[in-house]
All heavy atoms as atom14 arrays in JSON, in Angstrom:
{
  "sequence": "LALDPTSTRSPGFDRWDTSGSTDGRWRLEFDNDHSRDFSLQLDAVLSI",
  "atom14_mask": [
    [1, 1, 1, 1, 1, 1, 1, 1, 0, 0, 0, 0, 0, 0],
    [1, 1, 1, 1, 1, 0, 0, 0, 0, 0, 0, 0, 0, 0],
    [1, 1, 1, 1, 1, 1, 1, 1, 0, 0, 0, 0, 0, 0],
    [1, 1, 1, 1, 1, 1, 1, 1, 0, 0, 0, 0, 0, 0],
    [1, 1, 1, 1, 1, 1, 1, 0, 0, 0, 0, 0, 0, 0],
    [1, 1, 1, 1, 1, 1, 1, 0, 0, 0, 0, 0, 0, 0],
    [1, 1, 1, 1, 1, 1, 0, 0, 0, 0, 0, 0, 0, 0],
    [1, 1, 1, 1, 1, 1, 1, 0, 0, 0, 0, 0, 0, 0],
    [1, 1, 1, 1, 1, 1, 1, 1, 1, 1, 1, 0, 0, 0],
    [1, 1, 1, 1, 1, 1, 0, 0, 0, 0, 0, 0, 0, 0],
    [1, 1, 1, 1, 1, 1, 1, 0, 0, 0, 0, 0, 0, 0],
    [1, 1, 1, 1, 0, 0, 0, 0, 0, 0, 0, 0, 0, 0],
    [1, 1, 1, 1, 1, 1, 1, 1, 1, 1, 1, 0, 0, 0],
    [1, 1, 1, 1, 1, 1, 1, 1, 0, 0, 0, 0, 0, 0],
    [1, 1, 1, 1, 1, 1, 1, 1, 1, 1, 1, 0, 0, 0],
    [1, 1, 1, 1, 1, 1, 1, 1, 1, 1, 1, 1, 1, 1],
    [1, 1, 1, 1, 1, 1, 1, 1, 0, 0, 0, 0, 0, 0],
    [1, 1, 1, 1, 1, 1, 1, 0, 0, 0, 0, 0, 0, 0],
    [1, 1, 1, 1, 1, 1, 0, 0, 0, 0, 0, 0, 0, 0],
    [1, 1, 1, 1, 0, 0, 0, 0, 0, 0, 0, 0, 0, 0],
    [1, 1, 1, 1, 1, 1, 0, 0, 0, 0, 0, 0, 0, 0],
    [1, 1, 1, 1, 1, 1, 1, 0, 0, 0, 0, 0, 0, 0],
    [1, 1, 1, 1, 1, 1, 1, 1, 0, 0, 0, 0, 0, 0],
    [1, 1, 1, 1, 0, 0, 0, 0, 0, 0, 0, 0, 0, 0],
    [1, 1, 1, 1, 1, 1, 1, 1, 1, 1, 1, 0, 0, 0],
    [1, 1, 1, 1, 1, 1, 1, 1, 1, 1, 1, 1, 1, 1],
    [1, 1, 1, 1, 1, 1, 1, 1, 1, 1, 1, 0, 0, 0],
    [1, 1, 1, 1, 1, 1, 1, 1, 0, 0, 0, 0, 0, 0],
    [1, 1, 1, 1, 1, 1, 1, 1, 1, 0, 0, 0, 0, 0],
    [1, 1, 1, 1, 1, 1, 1, 1, 1, 1, 1, 0, 0, 0],
    [1, 1, 1, 1, 1, 1, 1, 1, 0, 0, 0, 0, 0, 0],
    [1, 1, 1, 1, 1, 1, 1, 1, 0, 0, 0, 0, 0, 0],
    [1, 1, 1, 1, 1, 1, 1, 1, 0, 0, 0, 0, 0, 0],
    [1, 1, 1, 1, 1, 1, 1, 1, 1, 1, 0, 0, 0, 0],
    [1, 1, 1, 1, 1, 1, 0, 0, 0, 0, 0, 0, 0, 0],
    [1, 1, 1, 1, 1, 1, 1, 1, 1, 1, 1, 0, 0, 0],
    [1, 1, 1, 1, 1, 1, 1, 1, 0, 0, 0, 0, 0, 0],
    [1, 1, 1, 1, 1, 1, 1, 1, 1, 1, 1, 0, 0, 0],
    [1, 1, 1, 1, 1, 1, 0, 0, 0, 0, 0, 0, 0, 0],
    [1, 1, 1, 1, 1, 1, 1, 1, 0, 0, 0, 0, 0, 0],
    [1, 1, 1, 1, 1, 1, 1, 1, 1, 0, 0, 0, 0, 0],
    [1, 1, 1, 1, 1, 1, 1, 1, 0, 0, 0, 0, 0, 0],
    [1, 1, 1, 1, 1, 1, 1, 1, 0, 0, 0, 0, 0, 0],
    [1, 1, 1, 1, 1, 0, 0, 0, 0, 0, 0, 0, 0, 0],
    [1, 1, 1, 1, 1, 1, 1, 0, 0, 0, 0, 0, 0, 0],
    [1, 1, 1, 1, 1, 1, 1, 1, 0, 0, 0, 0, 0, 0],
    [1, 1, 1, 1, 1, 1, 0, 0, 0, 0, 0, 0, 0, 0],
    [1, 1, 1, 1, 1, 1, 1, 1, 0, 0, 0, 0, 0, 0]
  ],
  "atom14_positions": [
    [[-13.23, -18.72, -8.35], [-12.49, -19.65, -9.22], [-12.33, -21.03, -8.6], [-12.01, -21.99, -9.31], [-11.1, -19.09, -9.55], [-11.04, -17.81, -10.36], [-9.6, -17.39, -10.58], [-11.77, -17.97, -11.7], [0.0, 0.0, 0.0], [0.0, 0.0, 0.0], [0.0, 0.0, 0.0], [0.0, 0.0, 0.0], [0.0, 0.0, 0.0], [0.0, 0.0, 0.0]],
    [[-12.52, -21.12, -7.28], [-12.28, -22.38, -6.56], [-10.85, -22.87, -6.79], [-10.6, -24.06, -7.0], [-13.31, -23.45, -6.94], [0.0, 0.0, 0.0], [0.0, 0.0, 0.0], [0.0, 0.0, 0.0], [0.0, 0.0, 0.0], [0.0, 0.0, 0.0], [0.0, 0.0, 0.0], [0.0, 0.0, 0.0], [0.0, 0.0, 0.0], [0.0, 0.0, 0.0]],
    [[-9.93, -21.92, -6.76], [-8.5, -22.2, -6.92], [-7.72, -21.42, -5.88], [-8.06, -20.27, -5.59], [-8.0, -21.75, -8.3], [-8.5, -22.5, -9.52], [-8.05, -21.76, -10.79], [-7.97, -23.92, -9.53], [0.0, 0.0, 0.0], [0.0, 0.0, 0.0], [0.0, 0.0, 0.0], [0.0, 0.0, 0.0], [0.0, 0.0, 0.0], [0.0, 0.0, 0.0]],
    [[-6.69, -22.03, -5.33], [-5.82, -21.32, -4.42], [-4.76, -20.58, -5.22], [-4.1, -21.16, -6.08], [-5.15, -22.28, -3.44], [-6.12, -22.84, -2.43], [-7.06, -22.11, -2.04], [-5.96, -24.0, -2.03], [0.0, 0.0, 0.0], [0.0, 0.0, 0.0], [0.0, 0.0, 0.0], [0.0, 0.0, 0.0], [0.0, 0.0, 0.0], [0.0, 0.0, 0.0]],
    [[-4.58, -19.29, -4.95], [-3.57, -18.52, -5.68], [-2.16, -18.8, -5.18], [-1.97, -19.32, -4.08], [-3.97, -17.08, -5.37], [-4.56, -17.17, -4.0], [-5.29, -18.49, -3.96], [0.0, 0.0, 0.0], [0.0, 0.0, 0.0], [0.0, 0.0, 0.0], [0.0, 0.0, 0.0], [0.0, 0.0, 0.0], [0.0, 0.0, 0.0], [0.0, 0.0, 0.0]],
    [[-1.2, -18.43, -5.99], [0.2, -18.46, -5.57], [0.48, -17.29, -4.64], [1.22, -17.4, -3.68], [1.13, -18.38, -6.8], [0.73, -19.37, -7.74], [2.57, -18.59, -6.43], [0.0, 0.0, 0.0], [0.0, 0.0, 0.0], [0.0, 0.0, 0.0], [0.0, 0.0, 0.0], [0.0, 0.0, 0.0], [0.0, 0.0, 0.0], [0.0, 0.0, 0.0]],
    [[-0.13, -16.13, -4.98], [0.02, -14.95, -4.14], [-1.17, -14.02, -4.33], [-1.87, -14.1, -5.35], [1.32, -14.21, -4.46], [1.29, -13.7, -5.77], [0.0, 0.0, 0.0], [0.0, 0.0, 0.0], [0.0, 0.0, 0.0], [0.0, 0.0, 0.0], [0.0, 0.0, 0.0], [0.0, 0.0, 0.0], [0.0, 0.0, 0.0], [0.0, 0.0, 0.0]],
    [[-1.39, -13.16, -3.35], [-2.44, -12.15, -3.43], [-1.92, -10.85, -2.85], [-0.93, -10.83, -2.12], [-3.7, -12.56, -2.64], [-3.36, -12.68, -1.26], [-4.29, -13.86, -3.17], [0.0, 0.0, 0.0], [0.0, 0.0, 0.0], [0.0, 0.0, 0.0], [0.0, 0.0, 0.0], [0.0, 0.0, 0.0], [0.0, 0.0, 0.0], [0.0, 0.0, 0.0]],
    [[-2.64, -9.79, -3.17], [-2.36, -8.49, -2.58], [-3.68, -7.75, -2.44], [-4.45, -7.64, -3.39], [-1.41, -7.68, -3.45], [-1.03, -6.36, -2.8], [-0.11, -5.54, -3.64], [-0.92, -4.89, -4.68], [-0.41, -4.34, -5.76], [0.88, -4.4, -5.99], [-1.18, -3.75, -6.63], [0.0, 0.0, 0.0], [0.0, 0.0, 0.0], [0.0, 0.0, 0.0]],
    [[-3.95, -7.26, -1.26], [-5.16, -6.46, -1.04], [-4.95, -5.07, -1.63], [-3.81, -4.62, -1.77], [-5.45, -6.35, 0.45], [-5.77, -7.62, 0.97], [0.0, 0.0, 0.0], [0.0, 0.0, 0.0], [0.0, 0.0, 0.0], [0.0, 0.0, 0.0], [0.0, 0.0, 0.0], [0.0, 0.0, 0.0], [0.0, 0.0, 0.0], [0.0, 0.0, 0.0]],
    [[-6.04, -4.38, -1.98], [-5.89, -3.02, -2.52], [-5.17, -2.11, -1.53], [-5.28, -2.26, -0.32], [-7.34, -2.56, -2.71], [-8.14, -3.8, -2.78], [-7.43, -4.8, -1.91], [0.0, 0.0, 0.0], [0.0, 0.0, 0.0], [0.0, 0.0, 0.0], [0.0, 0.0, 0.0], [0.0, 0.0, 0.0], [0.0, 0.0, 0.0], [0.0, 0.0, 0.0]],
    [[-4.44, -1.17, -2.06], [-3.72, -0.2, -1.24], [-2.25, -0.14, -1.59], [-1.76, -0.89, -2.44], [0.0, 0.0, 0.0], [0.0, 0.0, 0.0], [0.0, 0.0, 0.0], [0.0, 0.0, 0.0], [0.0, 0.0, 0.0], [0.0, 0.0, 0.0], [0.0, 0.0, 0.0], [0.0, 0.0, 0.0], [0.0, 0.0, 0.0], [0.0, 0.0, 0.0]],
    [[-1.57, 0.74, -0.95], [-0.14, 0.95, -1.21], [0.66, -0.28, -0.78], [0.42, -0.85, 0.28], [0.35, 2.18, -0.45], [1.83, 2.4, -0.58], [2.37, 2.91, -1.74], [2.69, 2.08, 0.46], [3.75, 3.1, -1.87], [4.06, 2.26, 0.34], [4.58, 2.78, -0.83], [0.0, 0.0, 0.0], [0.0, 0.0, 0.0], [0.0, 0.0, 0.0]],
    [[1.59, -0.69, -1.64], [2.48, -1.8, -1.34], [3.9, -1.32, -1.62], [4.27, -1.07, -2.77], [2.15, -3.01, -2.21], [3.03, -4.22, -1.96], [4.02, -4.11, -1.19], [2.74, -5.27, -2.53], [0.0, 0.0, 0.0], [0.0, 0.0, 0.0], [0.0, 0.0, 0.0], [0.0, 0.0, 0.0], [0.0, 0.0, 0.0], [0.0, 0.0, 0.0]],
    [[4.7, -1.2, -0.58], [6.05, -0.66, -0.76], [6.94, -1.54, -1.63], [7.96, -1.1, -2.12], [6.7, -0.39, 0.58], [7.04, -1.64, 1.35], [7.63, -1.29, 2.69], [7.92, -2.5, 3.44], [8.91, -2.61, 4.27], [9.71, -1.59, 4.48], [9.11, -3.73, 4.91], [0.0, 0.0, 0.0], [0.0, 0.0, 0.0], [0.0, 0.0, 0.0]],
    [[6.56, -2.8, -1.83], [7.37, -3.7, -2.64], [6.98, -3.67, -4.12], [7.67, -4.22, -4.96], [7.25, -5.14, -2.12], [7.7, -5.24, -0.7], [6.91, -5.45, 0.39], [9.03, -5.11, -0.2], [7.67, -5.46, 1.54], [8.99, -5.25, 1.19], [10.26, -4.88, -0.8], [10.11, -5.18, 2.0], [11.38, -4.8, 0.01], [11.3, -4.96, 1.38]],
    [[5.88, -3.03, -4.45], [5.42, -2.95, -5.84], [5.97, -1.68, -6.46], [5.53, -0.58, -6.13], [3.9, -2.97, -5.9], [3.36, -2.98, -7.31], [4.16, -2.87, -8.27], [2.14, -3.1, -7.47], [0.0, 0.0, 0.0], [0.0, 0.0, 0.0], [0.0, 0.0, 0.0], [0.0, 0.0, 0.0], [0.0, 0.0, 0.0], [0.0, 0.0, 0.0]],
    [[6.9, -1.83, -7.37], [7.54, -0.67, -7.99], [6.69, -0.05, -9.1], [7.03, 1.0, -9.61], [8.92, -1.04, -8.56], [8.75, -2.09, -9.51], [9.85, -1.49, -7.44], [0.0, 0.0, 0.0], [0.0, 0.0, 0.0], [0.0, 0.0, 0.0], [0.0, 0.0, 0.0], [0.0, 0.0, 0.0], [0.0, 0.0, 0.0], [0.0, 0.0, 0.0]],
    [[5.58, -0.71, -9.49], [4.75, -0.18, -10.57], [3.88, 0.97, -10.1], [3.34, 1.72, -10.92], [3.85, -1.29, -11.14], [2.82, -1.62, -10.21], [0.0, 0.0, 0.0], [0.0, 0.0, 0.0], [0.0, 0.0, 0.0], [0.0, 0.0, 0.0], [0.0, 0.0, 0.0], [0.0, 0.0, 0.0], [0.0, 0.0, 0.0], [0.0, 0.0, 0.0]],
    [[3.7, 1.11, -8.79], [2.84, 2.16, -8.26], [1.37, 1.78, -8.22], [0.53, 2.56, -7.79], [0.0, 0.0, 0.0], [0.0, 0.0, 0.0], [0.0, 0.0, 0.0], [0.0, 0.0, 0.0], [0.0, 0.0, 0.0], [0.0, 0.0, 0.0], [0.0, 0.0, 0.0], [0.0, 0.0, 0.0], [0.0, 0.0, 0.0], [0.0, 0.0, 0.0]],
    [[1.04, 0.6, -8.66], [-0.35, 0.14, -8.65], [-0.84, -0.04, -7.22], [-0.11, -0.51, -6.35], [-0.47, -1.19, -9.39], [-1.78, -1.71, -9.24], [0.0, 0.0, 0.0], [0.0, 0.0, 0.0], [0.0, 0.0, 0.0], [0.0, 0.0, 0.0], [0.0, 0.0, 0.0], [0.0, 0.0, 0.0], [0.0, 0.0, 0.0], [0.0, 0.0, 0.0]],
    [[-2.08, 0.33, -6.99], [-2.69, 0.12, -5.68], [-3.85, -0.89, -5.79], [-4.61, -1.06, -4.84], [-3.21, 1.44, -5.09], [-4.15, 2.02, -6.0], [-2.06, 2.4, -4.82], [0.0, 0.0, 0.0], [0.0, 0.0, 0.0], [0.0, 0.0, 0.0], [0.0, 0.0, 0.0], [0.0, 0.0, 0.0], [0.0, 0.0, 0.0], [0.0, 0.0, 0.0]],
    [[-3.99, -1.52, -6.95], [-5.05, -2.5, -7.16], [-4.84, -3.74, -6.32], [-3.7, -4.12, -6.02], [-5.1, -2.94, -8.63], [-5.64, -1.87, -9.55], [-6.09, -0.81, -9.05], [-5.61, -2.09, -10.77], [0.0, 0.0, 0.0], [0.0, 0.0, 0.0], [0.0, 0.0, 0.0], [0.0, 0.0, 0.0], [0.0, 0.0, 0.0], [0.0, 0.0, 0.0]],
    [[-5.95, -4.39, -5.98], [-5.86, -5.72, -5.4], [-5.46, -6.68, -6.5], [-5.76, -6.46, -7.68], [0.0, 0.0, 0.0], [0.0, 0.0, 0.0], [0.0, 0.0, 0.0], [0.0, 0.0, 0.0], [0.0, 0.0, 0.0], [0.0, 0.0, 0.0], [0.0, 0.0, 0.0], [0.0, 0.0, 0.0], [0.0, 0.0, 0.0], [0.0, 0.0, 0.0]],
    [[-4.76, -7.74, -6.12], [-4.25, -8.66, -7.14], [-4.35, -10.1, -6.65], [-4.03, -10.4, -5.5], [-2.81, -8.32, -7.48], [-2.24, -9.21, -8.59], [-0.84, -8.81, -8.97], [-0.84, -7.44, -9.46], [0.19, -6.62, -9.38], [1.3, -7.0, -8.81], [0.12, -5.4, -9.85], [0.0, 0.0, 0.0], [0.0, 0.0, 0.0], [0.0, 0.0, 0.0]],
    [[-4.76, -10.97, -7.56], [-4.81, -12.41, -7.33], [-3.94, -13.04, -8.41], [-4.11, -12.72, -9.6], [-6.26, -12.9, -7.45], [-6.5, -14.33, -7.17], [-6.93, -14.86, -5.99], [-6.36, -15.44, -8.08], [-7.08, -16.22, -6.11], [-6.73, -16.61, -7.38], [-5.97, -15.55, -9.4], [-6.71, -17.87, -7.96], [-5.94, -16.8, -9.99], [-6.31, -17.94, -9.27]],
    [[-3.01, -13.91, -8.04], [-2.03, -14.42, -9.0], [-1.86, -15.93, -8.83], [-1.67, -16.42, -7.72], [-0.7, -13.72, -8.76], [0.42, -14.15, -9.63], [1.7, -13.4, -9.2], [2.79, -13.73, -10.06], [3.16, -13.04, -11.14], [2.52, -11.94, -11.45], [4.16, -13.43, -11.87], [0.0, 0.0, 0.0], [0.0, 0.0, 0.0], [0.0, 0.0, 0.0]],
    [[-1.9, -16.63, -9.96], [-1.6, -18.06, -9.99], [-0.49, -18.24, -11.01], [-0.69, -18.04, -12.21], [-2.83, -18.89, -10.37], [-2.63, -20.4, -10.42], [-2.22, -20.95, -9.05], [-3.91, -21.08, -10.89], [0.0, 0.0, 0.0], [0.0, 0.0, 0.0], [0.0, 0.0, 0.0], [0.0, 0.0, 0.0], [0.0, 0.0, 0.0], [0.0, 0.0, 0.0]],
    [[0.71, -18.6, -10.53], [1.86, -18.66, -11.42], [2.44, -20.06, -11.51], [2.33, -20.86, -10.58], [2.94, -17.67, -11.02], [3.73, -18.06, -9.81], [4.77, -17.01, -9.44], [4.49, -15.81, -9.56], [5.86, -17.41, -9.02], [0.0, 0.0, 0.0], [0.0, 0.0, 0.0], [0.0, 0.0, 0.0], [0.0, 0.0, 0.0], [0.0, 0.0, 0.0]],
    [[3.01, -20.31, -12.65], [3.72, -21.56, -12.91], [5.13, -21.18, -13.33], [5.32, -20.52, -14.35], [3.01, -22.38, -14.0], [1.65, -22.81, -13.58], [0.54, -22.0, -13.78], [1.47, -24.01, -12.93], [-0.71, -22.38, -13.36], [0.22, -24.42, -12.5], [-0.87, -23.59, -12.72], [0.0, 0.0, 0.0], [0.0, 0.0, 0.0], [0.0, 0.0, 0.0]],
    [[6.11, -21.58, -12.52], [7.49, -21.19, -12.77], [8.37, -22.44, -12.8], [7.89, -23.55, -13.04], [7.97, -20.16, -11.75], [7.85, -20.67, -10.31], [7.65, -21.89, -10.1], [7.97, -19.84, -9.39], [0.0, 0.0, 0.0], [0.0, 0.0, 0.0], [0.0, 0.0, 0.0], [0.0, 0.0, 0.0], [0.0, 0.0, 0.0], [0.0, 0.0, 0.0]],
    [[9.66, -22.26, -12.53], [10.59, -23.4, -12.56], [10.25, -24.47, -11.55], [10.67, -25.6, -11.69], [12.03, -22.91, -12.37], [12.58, -22.28, -13.62], [12.05, -22.46, -14.71], [13.64, -21.51, -13.47], [0.0, 0.0, 0.0], [0.0, 0.0, 0.0], [0.0, 0.0, 0.0], [0.0, 0.0, 0.0], [0.0, 0.0, 0.0], [0.0, 0.0, 0.0]],
    [[9.5, -24.12, -10.5], [9.07, -25.14, -9.55], [8.05, -26.08, -10.17], [7.93, -27.23, -9.77], [8.48, -24.5, -8.29], [9.53, -23.8, -7.45], [10.73, -24.12, -7.58], [9.15, -22.92, -6.66], [0.0, 0.0, 0.0], [0.0, 0.0, 0.0], [0.0, 0.0, 0.0], [0.0, 0.0, 0.0], [0.0, 0.0, 0.0], [0.0, 0.0, 0.0]],
    [[7.29, -25.56, -11.14], [6.31, -26.39, -11.88], [7.03, -27.19, -12.96], [6.85, -28.39, -13.07], [5.24, -25.49, -12.5], [4.28, -26.21, -13.38], [3.3, -27.03, -12.88], [4.16, -26.25, -14.73], [2.61, -27.54, -13.89], [3.12, -27.09, -15.02], [0.0, 0.0, 0.0], [0.0, 0.0, 0.0], [0.0, 0.0, 0.0], [0.0, 0.0, 0.0]],
    [[7.81, -26.5, -13.77], [8.56, -27.12, -14.86], [9.59, -26.12, -15.36], [9.34, -24.92, -15.37], [7.63, -27.5, -16.01], [8.38, -27.93, -17.13], [0.0, 0.0, 0.0], [0.0, 0.0, 0.0], [0.0, 0.0, 0.0], [0.0, 0.0, 0.0], [0.0, 0.0, 0.0], [0.0, 0.0, 0.0], [0.0, 0.0, 0.0], [0.0, 0.0, 0.0]],
    [[10.72, -26.6, -15.82], [11.71, -25.71, -16.44], [11.36, -25.46, -17.9], [11.97, -24.61, -18.54], [13.11, -26.31, -16.34], [13.64, -26.31, -14.92], [15.08, -26.8, -14.89], [15.59, -26.75, -13.54], [16.32, -25.74, -13.08], [16.63, -24.74, -13.86], [16.75, -25.76, -11.84], [0.0, 0.0, 0.0], [0.0, 0.0, 0.0], [0.0, 0.0, 0.0]],
    [[10.38, -26.17, -18.42], [9.94, -26.04, -19.81], [8.88, -24.95, -19.9], [7.76, -25.12, -19.4], [9.39, -27.39, -20.28], [8.98, -27.4, -21.73], [8.75, -26.33, -22.32], [8.88, -28.52, -22.28], [0.0, 0.0, 0.0], [0.0, 0.0, 0.0], [0.0, 0.0, 0.0], [0.0, 0.0, 0.0], [0.0, 0.0, 0.0], [0.0, 0.0, 0.0]],
    [[9.2, -23.83, -20.53], [8.26, -22.72, -20.64], [6.95, -23.17, -21.29], [5.87, -22.73, -20.88], [8.87, -21.55, -21.43], [7.84, -20.52, -21.79], [7.3, -19.71, -20.8], [7.38, -20.41, -23.09], [6.31, -18.77, -21.12], [6.4, -19.48, -23.4], [5.87, -18.66, -22.43], [0.0, 0.0, 0.0], [0.0, 0.0, 0.0], [0.0, 0.0, 0.0]],
    [[7.03, -24.01, -22.27], [5.82, -24.47, -22.96], [4.84, -25.12, -21.99], [3.62, -24.89, -22.06], [6.21, -25.45, -24.07], [5.06, -25.86, -24.78], [0.0, 0.0, 0.0], [0.0, 0.0, 0.0], [0.0, 0.0, 0.0], [0.0, 0.0, 0.0], [0.0, 0.0, 0.0], [0.0, 0.0, 0.0], [0.0, 0.0, 0.0], [0.0, 0.0, 0.0]],
    [[5.36, -25.91, -21.04], [4.49, -26.54, -20.04], [3.94, -25.51, -19.05], [2.8, -25.63, -18.6], [5.25, -27.64, -19.3], [5.68, -28.85, -20.16], [6.5, -29.83, -19.33], [4.48, -29.51, -20.8], [0.0, 0.0, 0.0], [0.0, 0.0, 0.0], [0.0, 0.0, 0.0], [0.0, 0.0, 0.0], [0.0, 0.0, 0.0], [0.0, 0.0, 0.0]],
    [[4.73, -24.51, -18.72], [4.26, -23.43, -17.84], [3.07, -22.71, -18.5], [2.03, -22.49, -17.87], [5.38, -22.44, -17.56], [6.53, -22.98, -16.77], [7.7, -22.01, -16.71], [7.67, -20.93, -17.28], [8.75, -22.41, -16.0], [0.0, 0.0, 0.0], [0.0, 0.0, 0.0], [0.0, 0.0, 0.0], [0.0, 0.0, 0.0], [0.0, 0.0, 0.0]],
    [[3.26, -22.34, -19.77], [2.2, -21.62, -20.48], [0.97, -22.49, -20.67], [-0.16, -22.03, -20.5], [2.72, -21.11, -21.83], [1.73, -20.28, -22.64], [1.28, -19.04, -21.87], [2.36, -19.88, -23.97], [0.0, 0.0, 0.0], [0.0, 0.0, 0.0], [0.0, 0.0, 0.0], [0.0, 0.0, 0.0], [0.0, 0.0, 0.0], [0.0, 0.0, 0.0]],
    [[1.18, -23.76, -21.01], [0.04, -24.67, -21.17], [-0.78, -24.77, -19.89], [-2.01, -24.83, -19.93], [0.5, -26.07, -21.59], [0.81, -26.18, -23.08], [0.33, -25.33, -23.86], [1.53, -27.12, -23.45], [0.0, 0.0, 0.0], [0.0, 0.0, 0.0], [0.0, 0.0, 0.0], [0.0, 0.0, 0.0], [0.0, 0.0, 0.0], [0.0, 0.0, 0.0]],
    [[-0.12, -24.78, -18.74], [-0.82, -24.86, -17.45], [-1.72, -23.63, -17.26], [-2.89, -23.77, -16.87], [0.17, -24.99, -16.31], [0.0, 0.0, 0.0], [0.0, 0.0, 0.0], [0.0, 0.0, 0.0], [0.0, 0.0, 0.0], [0.0, 0.0, 0.0], [0.0, 0.0, 0.0], [0.0, 0.0, 0.0], [0.0, 0.0, 0.0], [0.0, 0.0, 0.0]],
    [[-1.2, -22.45, -17.56], [-1.99, -21.22, -17.41], [-3.14, -21.21, -18.41], [-4.28, -20.9, -18.05], [-1.11, -19.97, -17.59], [-1.96, -18.71, -17.69], [-0.13, -19.85, -16.45], [0.0, 0.0, 0.0], [0.0, 0.0, 0.0], [0.0, 0.0, 0.0], [0.0, 0.0, 0.0], [0.0, 0.0, 0.0], [0.0, 0.0, 0.0], [0.0, 0.0, 0.0]],
    [[-2.86, -21.57, -19.65], [-3.92, -21.57, -20.67], [-5.02, -22.57, -20.32], [-6.21, -22.26, -20.47], [-3.33, -21.89, -22.05], [-2.41, -20.82, -22.64], [-1.73, -21.35, -23.9], [-3.16, -19.54, -22.93], [0.0, 0.0, 0.0], [0.0, 0.0, 0.0], [0.0, 0.0, 0.0], [0.0, 0.0, 0.0], [0.0, 0.0, 0.0], [0.0, 0.0, 0.0]],
    [[-4.65, -23.73, -19.82], [-5.65, -24.75, -19.47], [-6.56, -24.25, -18.35], [-7.78, -24.45, -18.41], [-4.96, -26.05, -19.04], [-4.31, -26.63, -20.15], [0.0, 0.0, 0.0], [0.0, 0.0, 0.0], [0.0, 0.0, 0.0], [0.0, 0.0, 0.0], [0.0, 0.0, 0.0], [0.0, 0.0, 0.0], [0.0, 0.0, 0.0], [0.0, 0.0, 0.0]],
    [[-5.99, -23.61, -17.35], [-6.81, -23.08, -16.25], [-7.71, -21.97, -16.75], [-8.9, -21.92, -16.42], [-5.92, -22.63, -15.08], [-5.36, -23.86, -14.38], [-6.7, -21.75, -14.11], [-4.34, -23.57, -13.33], [0.0, 0.0, 0.0], [0.0, 0.0, 0.0], [0.0, 0.0, 0.0], [0.0, 0.0, 0.0], [0.0, 0.0, 0.0], [0.0, 0.0, 0.0]]
  ]
}
């Protein structure tokens, strides 16, 4: 993607994940640090 993620998780057990998923995960999030306006948060994700 040539993008830096907000967070990642390698495959395997993660004691902090309550879903029980063991999948690897790549995440790019837009939250209140980006904008308090949800519409702008969603627009950022949709644009990417």
